[in-house]
């Protein structure tokens, strides 16, 4: 059973989300403050955090940023009344896997949770012995699906769940031009134009992590291409 932390200071919203998740077969724990969340994460790492942003003792964005800085990689869905595009982009820059704006339907949230877990399970279920290696003639990038690891010149890179999905999807389509909308559809279950900047944000973060080497080419006005020379595939 998947464990989900629901961090929300509004009692009715928090209790309603927890109840709906439990009805849907998840183990959900409601938390009202960042202090409670911090203690809970240190005690047991959940499978997902549904994170409100504006809490009485701090900013949910900053808390998740702190977790990512400590390499505590927990999938996150931000749940907030702040619906401006800049806030959505900030959430995804911090490594969020999804973002839902209040008010929302509990059914919609549960559907997003289920879709997120399907993506995560698919990303970890490749059982073909799974290793792909690429080179740019100087640097070597290796994706190990069995160990869920990505290394460059032997140095392991820490990717969020969303970044892993994008990199592996591009690598599996190496040399092909892939549109932003297709990345959204295949990696996030999204097909809305307003979310295409989310792809750009993730690509920027991925590029920073995958140095040295330039592994992803931008095709202006269209999308991206994973451009390397494949060394081997198991």
C-alpha atoms as a PDB file:
ATOM      1  CA  UNK A   1       0.000   0.000   0.000  1.00  0.00           C
ATOM      2  CA  UNK A   2       1.370   3.405  -1.001  1.00  0.00           C
ATOM      3  CA  UNK A   3       1.905   5.913   1.804  1.00  0.00           C
ATOM      4  CA  UNK A   4       0.974   9.530   1.072  1.00  0.00           C
ATOM      5  CA  UNK A   5       1.522  12.582   3.283  1.00  0.00           C
ATOM      6  CA  UNK A   6      -1.105  15.302   2.852  1.00  0.00           C
ATOM      7  CA  UNK A   7       0.311  18.596   4.153  1.00  0.00           C
ATOM      8  CA  UNK A   8      -2.466  21.183   4.485  1.00  0.00           C
ATOM      9  CA  UNK A   9      -3.368  23.526   7.360  1.00  0.00           C
ATOM     10  CA  UNK A  10      -7.053  23.811   6.421  1.00  0.00           C
ATOM     11  CA  UNK A  11      -8.728  21.032   8.423  1.00  0.00           C
ATOM     12  CA  UNK A  12     -11.656  20.399   6.074  1.00  0.00           C
ATOM     13  CA  UNK A  13      -9.479  20.214   2.938  1.00  0.00           C
ATOM     14  CA  UNK A  14      -6.841  18.035   4.604  1.00  0.00           C
ATOM     15  CA  UNK A  15      -9.326  15.614   6.165  1.00  0.00           C
ATOM     16  CA  UNK A  16     -11.346  15.405   2.950  1.00  0.00           C
ATOM     17  CA  UNK A  17      -8.290  14.587   0.834  1.00  0.00           C
ATOM     18  CA  UNK A  18      -7.054  12.015   3.362  1.00  0.00           C
ATOM     19  CA  UNK A  19     -10.449  10.337   3.488  1.00  0.00           C
ATOM     20  CA  UNK A  20     -10.771  10.197  -0.304  1.00  0.00           C
ATOM     21  CA  UNK A  21      -7.270   8.767  -0.694  1.00  0.00           C
ATOM     22  CA  UNK A  22      -7.977   6.085   1.912  1.00  0.00           C
ATOM     23  CA  UNK A  23     -11.223   5.140   0.162  1.00  0.00           C
ATOM     24  CA  UNK A  24      -9.136   4.794  -3.020  1.00  0.00           C
ATOM     25  CA  UNK A  25      -6.786   2.295  -1.373  1.00  0.00           C
ATOM     26  CA  UNK A  26      -3.885   4.468  -0.185  1.00  0.00           C
ATOM     27  CA  UNK A  27      -2.485   4.928   3.305  1.00  0.00           C
ATOM     28  CA  UNK A  28      -2.752   8.692   3.884  1.00  0.00           C
ATOM     29  CA  UNK A  29      -1.454  10.773   6.784  1.00  0.00           C
ATOM     30  CA  UNK A  30      -2.674  14.335   7.305  1.00  0.00           C
ATOM     31  CA  UNK A  31      -0.175  16.955   8.526  1.00  0.00           C
ATOM     32  CA  UNK A  32      -0.983  20.582   9.348  1.00  0.00           C
ATOM     33  CA  UNK A  33       2.458  22.214   9.591  1.00  0.00           C
ATOM     34  CA  UNK A  34       5.966  21.987   8.172  1.00  0.00           C
ATOM     35  CA  UNK A  35       7.198  21.009  11.632  1.00  0.00           C
ATOM     36  CA  UNK A  36       4.916  17.969  11.603  1.00  0.00           C
ATOM     37  CA  UNK A  37       5.967  17.167   8.046  1.00  0.00           C
ATOM     38  CA  UNK A  38       9.661  17.411   8.823  1.00  0.00           C
ATOM     39  CA  UNK A  39       9.300  15.008  11.758  1.00  0.00           C
ATOM     40  CA  UNK A  40       7.201  12.575   9.694  1.00  0.00           C
ATOM     41  CA  UNK A  41       9.669  12.512   6.771  1.00  0.00           C
ATOM     42  CA  UNK A  42      12.548  11.849   9.160  1.00  0.00           C
ATOM     43  CA  UNK A  43      10.590   8.971  10.687  1.00  0.00           C
ATOM     44  CA  UNK A  44       9.319   7.373   7.477  1.00  0.00           C
ATOM     45  CA  UNK A  45       9.874   8.371   3.869  1.00  0.00           C
ATOM     46  CA  UNK A  46       6.491   8.346   2.074  1.00  0.00           C
ATOM     47  CA  UNK A  47       5.794   7.313  -1.500  1.00  0.00           C
ATOM     48  CA  UNK A  48       4.303  10.740  -2.257  1.00  0.00           C
ATOM     49  CA  UNK A  49       3.828  14.154  -0.649  1.00  0.00           C
ATOM     50  CA  UNK A  50       0.788  16.269  -1.494  1.00  0.00           C
ATOM     51  CA  UNK A  51       2.136  19.647  -0.429  1.00  0.00           C
ATOM     52  CA  UNK A  52       0.294  22.874   0.329  1.00  0.00           C
ATOM     53  CA  UNK A  53       2.451  25.948  -0.256  1.00  0.00           C
ATOM     54  CA  UNK A  54       1.191  28.540   2.212  1.00  0.00           C
ATOM     55  CA  UNK A  55       1.454  27.054   5.703  1.00  0.00           C
ATOM     56  CA  UNK A  56       1.385  28.790   9.111  1.00  0.00           C
ATOM     57  CA  UNK A  57       5.036  28.016   9.876  1.00  0.00           C
ATOM     58  CA  UNK A  58       6.610  28.447   6.448  1.00  0.00           C
ATOM     59  CA  UNK A  59       6.618  28.050   2.689  1.00  0.00           C
ATOM     60  CA  UNK A  60       6.022  24.619   1.179  1.00  0.00           C
ATOM     61  CA  UNK A  61       8.124  25.508  -1.861  1.00  0.00           C
ATOM     62  CA  UNK A  62      11.133  26.177   0.384  1.00  0.00           C
ATOM     63  CA  UNK A  63      10.594  22.964   2.338  1.00  0.00           C
ATOM     64  CA  UNK A  64      10.618  20.849  -0.825  1.00  0.00           C
ATOM     65  CA  UNK A  65      13.668  22.749  -2.057  1.00  0.00           C
ATOM     66  CA  UNK A  66      15.383  21.823   1.207  1.00  0.00           C
ATOM     67  CA  UNK A  67      14.521  18.144   0.718  1.00  0.00           C
ATOM     68  CA  UNK A  68      15.849  18.148  -2.849  1.00  0.00           C
ATOM     69  CA  UNK A  69      19.052  19.855  -1.717  1.00  0.00           C
ATOM     70  CA  UNK A  70      19.545  16.998   0.745  1.00  0.00           C
ATOM     71  CA  UNK A  71      18.903  14.506  -2.090  1.00  0.00           C
ATOM     72  CA  UNK A  72      15.709  13.300  -0.411  1.00  0.00           C
ATOM     73  CA  UNK A  73      13.845  12.424  -3.607  1.00  0.00           C
ATOM     74  CA  UNK A  74      10.159  12.011  -2.807  1.00  0.00           C
ATOM     75  CA  UNK A  75       7.560  12.572  -5.551  1.00  0.00           C
ATOM     76  CA  UNK A  76       5.579  15.761  -4.881  1.00  0.00           C
ATOM     77  CA  UNK A  77       2.233  17.172  -5.972  1.00  0.00           C
ATOM     78  CA  UNK A  78       1.822  20.818  -4.997  1.00  0.00           C
ATOM     79  CA  UNK A  79      -1.701  21.716  -3.877  1.00  0.00           C
ATOM     80  CA  UNK A  80      -2.239  25.453  -3.638  1.00  0.00           C
ATOM     81  CA  UNK A  81      -4.495  28.426  -4.305  1.00  0.00           C
ATOM     82  CA  UNK A  82      -1.574  30.133  -6.051  1.00  0.00           C
ATOM     83  CA  UNK A  83      -2.467  29.299  -9.650  1.00  0.00           C
ATOM     84  CA  UNK A  84      -0.342  31.816 -11.584  1.00  0.00           C
ATOM     85  CA  UNK A  85       1.886  30.301 -14.257  1.00  0.00           C
ATOM     86  CA  UNK A  86       4.996  31.610 -12.491  1.00  0.00           C
ATOM     87  CA  UNK A  87       4.053  29.626  -9.373  1.00  0.00           C
ATOM     88  CA  UNK A  88       3.478  26.459 -11.400  1.00  0.00           C
ATOM     89  CA  UNK A  89       6.839  26.883 -13.096  1.00  0.00           C
ATOM     90  CA  UNK A  90       8.544  27.457  -9.739  1.00  0.00           C
ATOM     91  CA  UNK A  91       6.999  24.281  -8.395  1.00  0.00           C
ATOM     92  CA  UNK A  92       8.282  22.237 -11.319  1.00  0.00           C
ATOM     93  CA  UNK A  93      11.705  23.889 -11.094  1.00  0.00           C
ATOM     94  CA  UNK A  94      11.878  22.565  -7.531  1.00  0.00           C
ATOM     95  CA  UNK A  95      11.278  19.055  -8.804  1.00  0.00           C
ATOM     96  CA  UNK A  96       7.516  18.708  -8.401  1.00  0.00           C
ATOM     97  CA  UNK A  97       5.798  15.944 -10.347  1.00  0.00           C
ATOM     98  CA  UNK A  98       2.424  17.670 -10.566  1.00  0.00           C
ATOM     99  CA  UNK A  99       0.567  20.797  -9.469  1.00  0.00           C
ATOM    100  CA  UNK A 100      -3.132  21.168  -8.692  1.00  0.00           C
ATOM    101  CA  UNK A 101      -4.861  24.491  -8.010  1.00  0.00           C
ATOM    102  CA  UNK A 102      -7.556  25.058  -5.399  1.00  0.00           C
ATOM    103  CA  UNK A 103     -10.445  24.633  -5.524  1.00  0.00           C
ATOM    104  CA  UNK A 104     -10.245  21.154  -7.001  1.00  0.00           C
ATOM    105  CA  UNK A 105     -12.240  17.949  -7.099  1.00  0.00           C
ATOM    106  CA  UNK A 106     -10.944  15.209  -4.765  1.00  0.00           C
ATOM    107  CA  UNK A 107     -11.655  12.782  -7.598  1.00  0.00           C
ATOM    108  CA  UNK A 108      -9.357  14.761  -9.915  1.00  0.00           C
ATOM    109  CA  UNK A 109      -6.603  14.712  -7.297  1.00  0.00           C
ATOM    110  CA  UNK A 110      -6.892  10.955  -6.840  1.00  0.00           C
ATOM    111  CA  UNK A 111      -6.767  10.466 -10.616  1.00  0.00           C
ATOM    112  CA  UNK A 112      -3.568  12.539 -10.733  1.00  0.00           C
ATOM    113  CA  UNK A 113      -2.108  10.491  -7.883  1.00  0.00           C
ATOM    114  CA  UNK A 114      -2.934   7.246  -9.700  1.00  0.00           C
ATOM    115  CA  UNK A 115      -1.436   8.574 -12.953  1.00  0.00           C
ATOM    116  CA  UNK A 116       1.731   9.620 -11.142  1.00  0.00           C
ATOM    117  CA  UNK A 117       2.191   6.192  -9.563  1.00  0.00           C
ATOM    118  CA  UNK A 118       1.617   4.535 -12.957  1.00  0.00           C
ATOM    119  CA  UNK A 119       4.389   6.674 -14.449  1.00  0.00           C
ATOM    120  CA  UNK A 120       6.735   5.881 -11.578  1.00  0.00           C
ATOM    121  CA  UNK A 121       5.992   2.156 -11.740  1.00  0.00           C
ATOM    122  CA  UNK A 122       6.508   2.151 -15.520  1.00  0.00           C
ATOM    123  CA  UNK A 123       9.830   3.965 -15.160  1.00  0.00           C
ATOM    124  CA  UNK A 124      11.060   1.334 -12.721  1.00  0.00           C
ATOM    125  CA  UNK A 125       9.607  -1.751 -14.411  1.00  0.00           C
ATOM    126  CA  UNK A 126      11.861  -2.068 -17.462  1.00  0.00           C
ATOM    127  CA  UNK A 127      13.169  -5.629 -17.133  1.00  0.00           C
ATOM    128  CA  UNK A 128      15.145  -6.195 -20.338  1.00  0.00           C
ATOM    129  CA  UNK A 129      18.425  -6.222 -18.483  1.00  0.00           C
ATOM    130  CA  UNK A 130      18.238  -2.567 -19.183  1.00  0.00           C
ATOM    131  CA  UNK A 131      21.402  -0.578 -19.836  1.00  0.00           C
ATOM    132  CA  UNK A 132      22.042   2.073 -22.483  1.00  0.00           C
ATOM    133  CA  UNK A 133      25.391   3.790 -23.005  1.00  0.00           C
ATOM    134  CA  UNK A 134      26.119   6.906 -25.057  1.00  0.00           C
ATOM    135  CA  UNK A 135      29.178   8.979 -25.838  1.00  0.00           C
ATOM    136  CA  UNK A 136      29.829  12.446 -27.210  1.00  0.00           C
ATOM    137  CA  UNK A 137      33.368  11.229 -28.092  1.00  0.00           C
ATOM    138  CA  UNK A 138      34.707  12.706 -24.822  1.00  0.00           C
ATOM    139  CA  UNK A 139      32.158  11.837 -22.133  1.00  0.00           C
ATOM    140  CA  UNK A 140      30.151   8.663 -21.540  1.00  0.00           C
ATOM    141  CA  UNK A 141      26.575   8.631 -20.267  1.00  0.00           C
ATOM    142  CA  UNK A 142      25.175   5.328 -18.983  1.00  0.00           C
ATOM    143  CA  UNK A 143      21.524   4.685 -18.095  1.00  0.00           C
ATOM    144  CA  UNK A 144      21.034   1.571 -15.981  1.00  0.00           C
ATOM    145  CA  UNK A 145      17.338   0.710 -15.838  1.00  0.00           C
ATOM    146  CA  UNK A 146      17.866  -2.241 -13.515  1.00  0.00           C
ATOM    147  CA  UNK A 147      19.559  -0.110 -10.855  1.00  0.00           C
ATOM    148  CA  UNK A 148      17.630   3.055 -11.758  1.00  0.00           C
ATOM    149  CA  UNK A 149      20.946   4.914 -12.072  1.00  0.00           C
ATOM    150  CA  UNK A 150      22.395   7.428 -14.518  1.00  0.00           C
ATOM    151  CA  UNK A 151      26.122   8.056 -14.581  1.00  0.00           C
ATOM    152  CA  UNK A 152      28.424  10.320 -16.580  1.00  0.00           C
ATOM    153  CA  UNK A 153      32.040   9.193 -16.709  1.00  0.00           C
ATOM    154  CA  UNK A 154      31.220   6.923 -13.763  1.00  0.00           C
ATOM    155  CA  UNK A 155      29.803   9.752 -11.640  1.00  0.00           C
ATOM    156  CA  UNK A 156      26.204   9.088 -10.583  1.00  0.00           C
ATOM    157  CA  UNK A 157      23.750  11.924 -11.173  1.00  0.00           C
ATOM    158  CA  UNK A 158      20.742  12.450  -8.918  1.00  0.00           C
ATOM    159  CA  UNK A 159      17.559  12.996 -10.927  1.00  0.00           C
ATOM    160  CA  UNK A 160      14.023  13.597  -9.780  1.00  0.00           C
ATOM    161  CA  UNK A 161      11.354  11.146 -10.923  1.00  0.00           C
ATOM    162  CA  UNK A 162      10.189  13.601 -13.583  1.00  0.00           C
ATOM    163  CA  UNK A 163      13.732  14.220 -14.842  1.00  0.00           C
ATOM    164  CA  UNK A 164      14.386  10.474 -15.046  1.00  0.00           C
ATOM    165  CA  UNK A 165      11.277   9.968 -17.173  1.00  0.00           C
ATOM    166  CA  UNK A 166      12.274  12.741 -19.581  1.00  0.00           C
ATOM    167  CA  UNK A 167      15.887  11.634 -19.947  1.00  0.00           C
ATOM    168  CA  UNK A 168      15.015   7.980 -20.505  1.00  0.00           C
ATOM    169  CA  UNK A 169      12.261   8.870 -22.981  1.00  0.00           C
ATOM    170  CA  UNK A 170      14.611  11.094 -24.994  1.00  0.00           C
ATOM    171  CA  UNK A 171      17.388   8.504 -24.825  1.00  0.00           C
ATOM    172  CA  UNK A 172      15.061   5.752 -26.056  1.00  0.00           C
ATOM    173  CA  UNK A 173      14.235   8.053 -28.987  1.00  0.00           C
ATOM    174  CA  UNK A 174      17.873   9.015 -29.532  1.00  0.00           C
ATOM    175  CA  UNK A 175      18.371  11.056 -32.694  1.00  0.00           C
ATOM    176  CA  UNK A 176      14.658  11.741 -33.145  1.00  0.00           C
ATOM    177  CA  UNK A 177      13.085  15.167 -32.854  1.00  0.00           C
ATOM    178  CA  UNK A 178      10.553  15.075 -29.992  1.00  0.00           C
ATOM    179  CA  UNK A 179       8.012  17.850 -29.468  1.00  0.00           C
ATOM    180  CA  UNK A 180       7.243  19.412 -26.093  1.00  0.00           C
ATOM    181  CA  UNK A 181       3.636  18.253 -26.377  1.00  0.00           C
ATOM    182  CA  UNK A 182       4.750  14.657 -26.930  1.00  0.00           C
ATOM    183  CA  UNK A 183       7.044  14.816 -23.889  1.00  0.00           C
ATOM    184  CA  UNK A 184       4.107  16.083 -21.835  1.00  0.00           C
ATOM    185  CA  UNK A 185       1.873  13.297 -23.110  1.00  0.00           C
ATOM    186  CA  UNK A 186       4.379  10.471 -22.637  1.00  0.00           C
ATOM    187  CA  UNK A 187       6.070  11.620 -19.426  1.00  0.00           C
ATOM    188  CA  UNK A 188       3.374  13.579 -17.591  1.00  0.00           C
ATOM    189  CA  UNK A 189      -0.028  12.629 -19.043  1.00  0.00           C
ATOM    190  CA  UNK A 190      -0.478  16.292 -19.974  1.00  0.00           C
ATOM    191  CA  UNK A 191      -1.465  17.666 -23.370  1.00  0.00           C
ATOM    192  CA  UNK A 192      -2.186  21.309 -22.531  1.00  0.00           C
ATOM    193  CA  UNK A 193      -0.200  24.063 -24.225  1.00  0.00           C
ATOM    194  CA  UNK A 194      -0.009  26.028 -20.963  1.00  0.00           C
ATOM    195  CA  UNK A 195       2.196  23.290 -19.512  1.00  0.00           C
ATOM    196  CA  UNK A 196       4.785  23.251 -22.305  1.00  0.00           C
ATOM    197  CA  UNK A 197       7.015  25.641 -20.362  1.00  0.00           C
ATOM    198  CA  UNK A 198       7.196  22.923 -17.717  1.00  0.00           C
ATOM    199  CA  UNK A 199       9.165  20.820 -20.211  1.00  0.00           C
ATOM    200  CA  UNK A 200      11.608  23.685 -20.809  1.00  0.00           C
ATOM    201  CA  UNK A 201      12.088  24.056 -17.058  1.00  0.00           C
ATOM    202  CA  UNK A 202      12.862  20.363 -16.591  1.00  0.00           C
ATOM    203  CA  UNK A 203      15.237  20.335 -19.567  1.00  0.00           C
ATOM    204  CA  UNK A 204      17.144  23.284 -18.098  1.00  0.00           C
ATOM    205  CA  UNK A 205      17.536  21.434 -14.800  1.00  0.00           C
ATOM    206  CA  UNK A 206      18.523  18.204 -16.539  1.00  0.00           C
ATOM    207  CA  UNK A 207      21.202  19.913 -18.611  1.00  0.00           C
ATOM    208  CA  UNK A 208      22.741  21.411 -15.473  1.00  0.00           C
ATOM    209  CA  UNK A 209      22.945  17.943 -13.930  1.00  0.00           C
ATOM    210  CA  UNK A 210      24.265  16.121 -16.998  1.00  0.00           C
ATOM    211  CA  UNK A 211      27.430  18.152 -17.433  1.00  0.00           C
ATOM    212  CA  UNK A 212      30.050  17.676 -18.709  1.00  0.00           C
ATOM    213  CA  UNK A 213      28.729  17.051 -22.173  1.00  0.00           C
ATOM    214  CA  UNK A 214      25.880  18.476 -24.194  1.00  0.00           C
ATOM    215  CA  UNK A 215      23.397  15.652 -24.514  1.00  0.00           C
ATOM    216  CA  UNK A 216      20.138  17.409 -25.414  1.00  0.00           C
ATOM    217  CA  UNK A 217      19.727  19.639 -28.455  1.00  0.00           C
ATOM    218  CA  UNK A 218      17.022  22.321 -28.626  1.00  0.00           C
ATOM    219  CA  UNK A 219      15.099  22.611 -31.882  1.00  0.00           C
ATOM    220  CA  UNK A 220      13.569  26.059 -31.615  1.00  0.00           C
ATOM    221  CA  UNK A 221       9.826  26.235 -31.979  1.00  0.00           C
ATOM    222  CA  UNK A 222       9.430  22.478 -31.792  1.00  0.00           C
ATOM    223  CA  UNK A 223      11.164  20.507 -29.062  1.00  0.00           C
ATOM    224  CA  UNK A 224      14.291  18.524 -28.236  1.00  0.00           C
ATOM    225  CA  UNK A 225      16.587  15.827 -29.568  1.00  0.00           C
ATOM    226  CA  UNK A 226      18.887  13.495 -27.631  1.00  0.00           C
ATOM    227  CA  UNK A 227      22.050  13.695 -29.716  1.00  0.00           C
ATOM    228  CA  UNK A 228      24.905  11.320 -28.977  1.00  0.00           C
ATOM    229  CA  UNK A 229      26.494   8.243 -30.433  1.00  0.00           C
ATOM    230  CA  UNK A 230      25.123   5.068 -28.879  1.00  0.00           C
ATOM    231  CA  UNK A 231      27.949   2.818 -27.679  1.00  0.00           C
ATOM    232  CA  UNK A 232      25.977  -0.177 -26.520  1.00  0.00           C
ATOM    233  CA  UNK A 233      22.543  -1.383 -25.511  1.00  0.00           C
ATOM    234  CA  UNK A 234      21.864  -4.457 -23.408  1.00  0.00           C
END
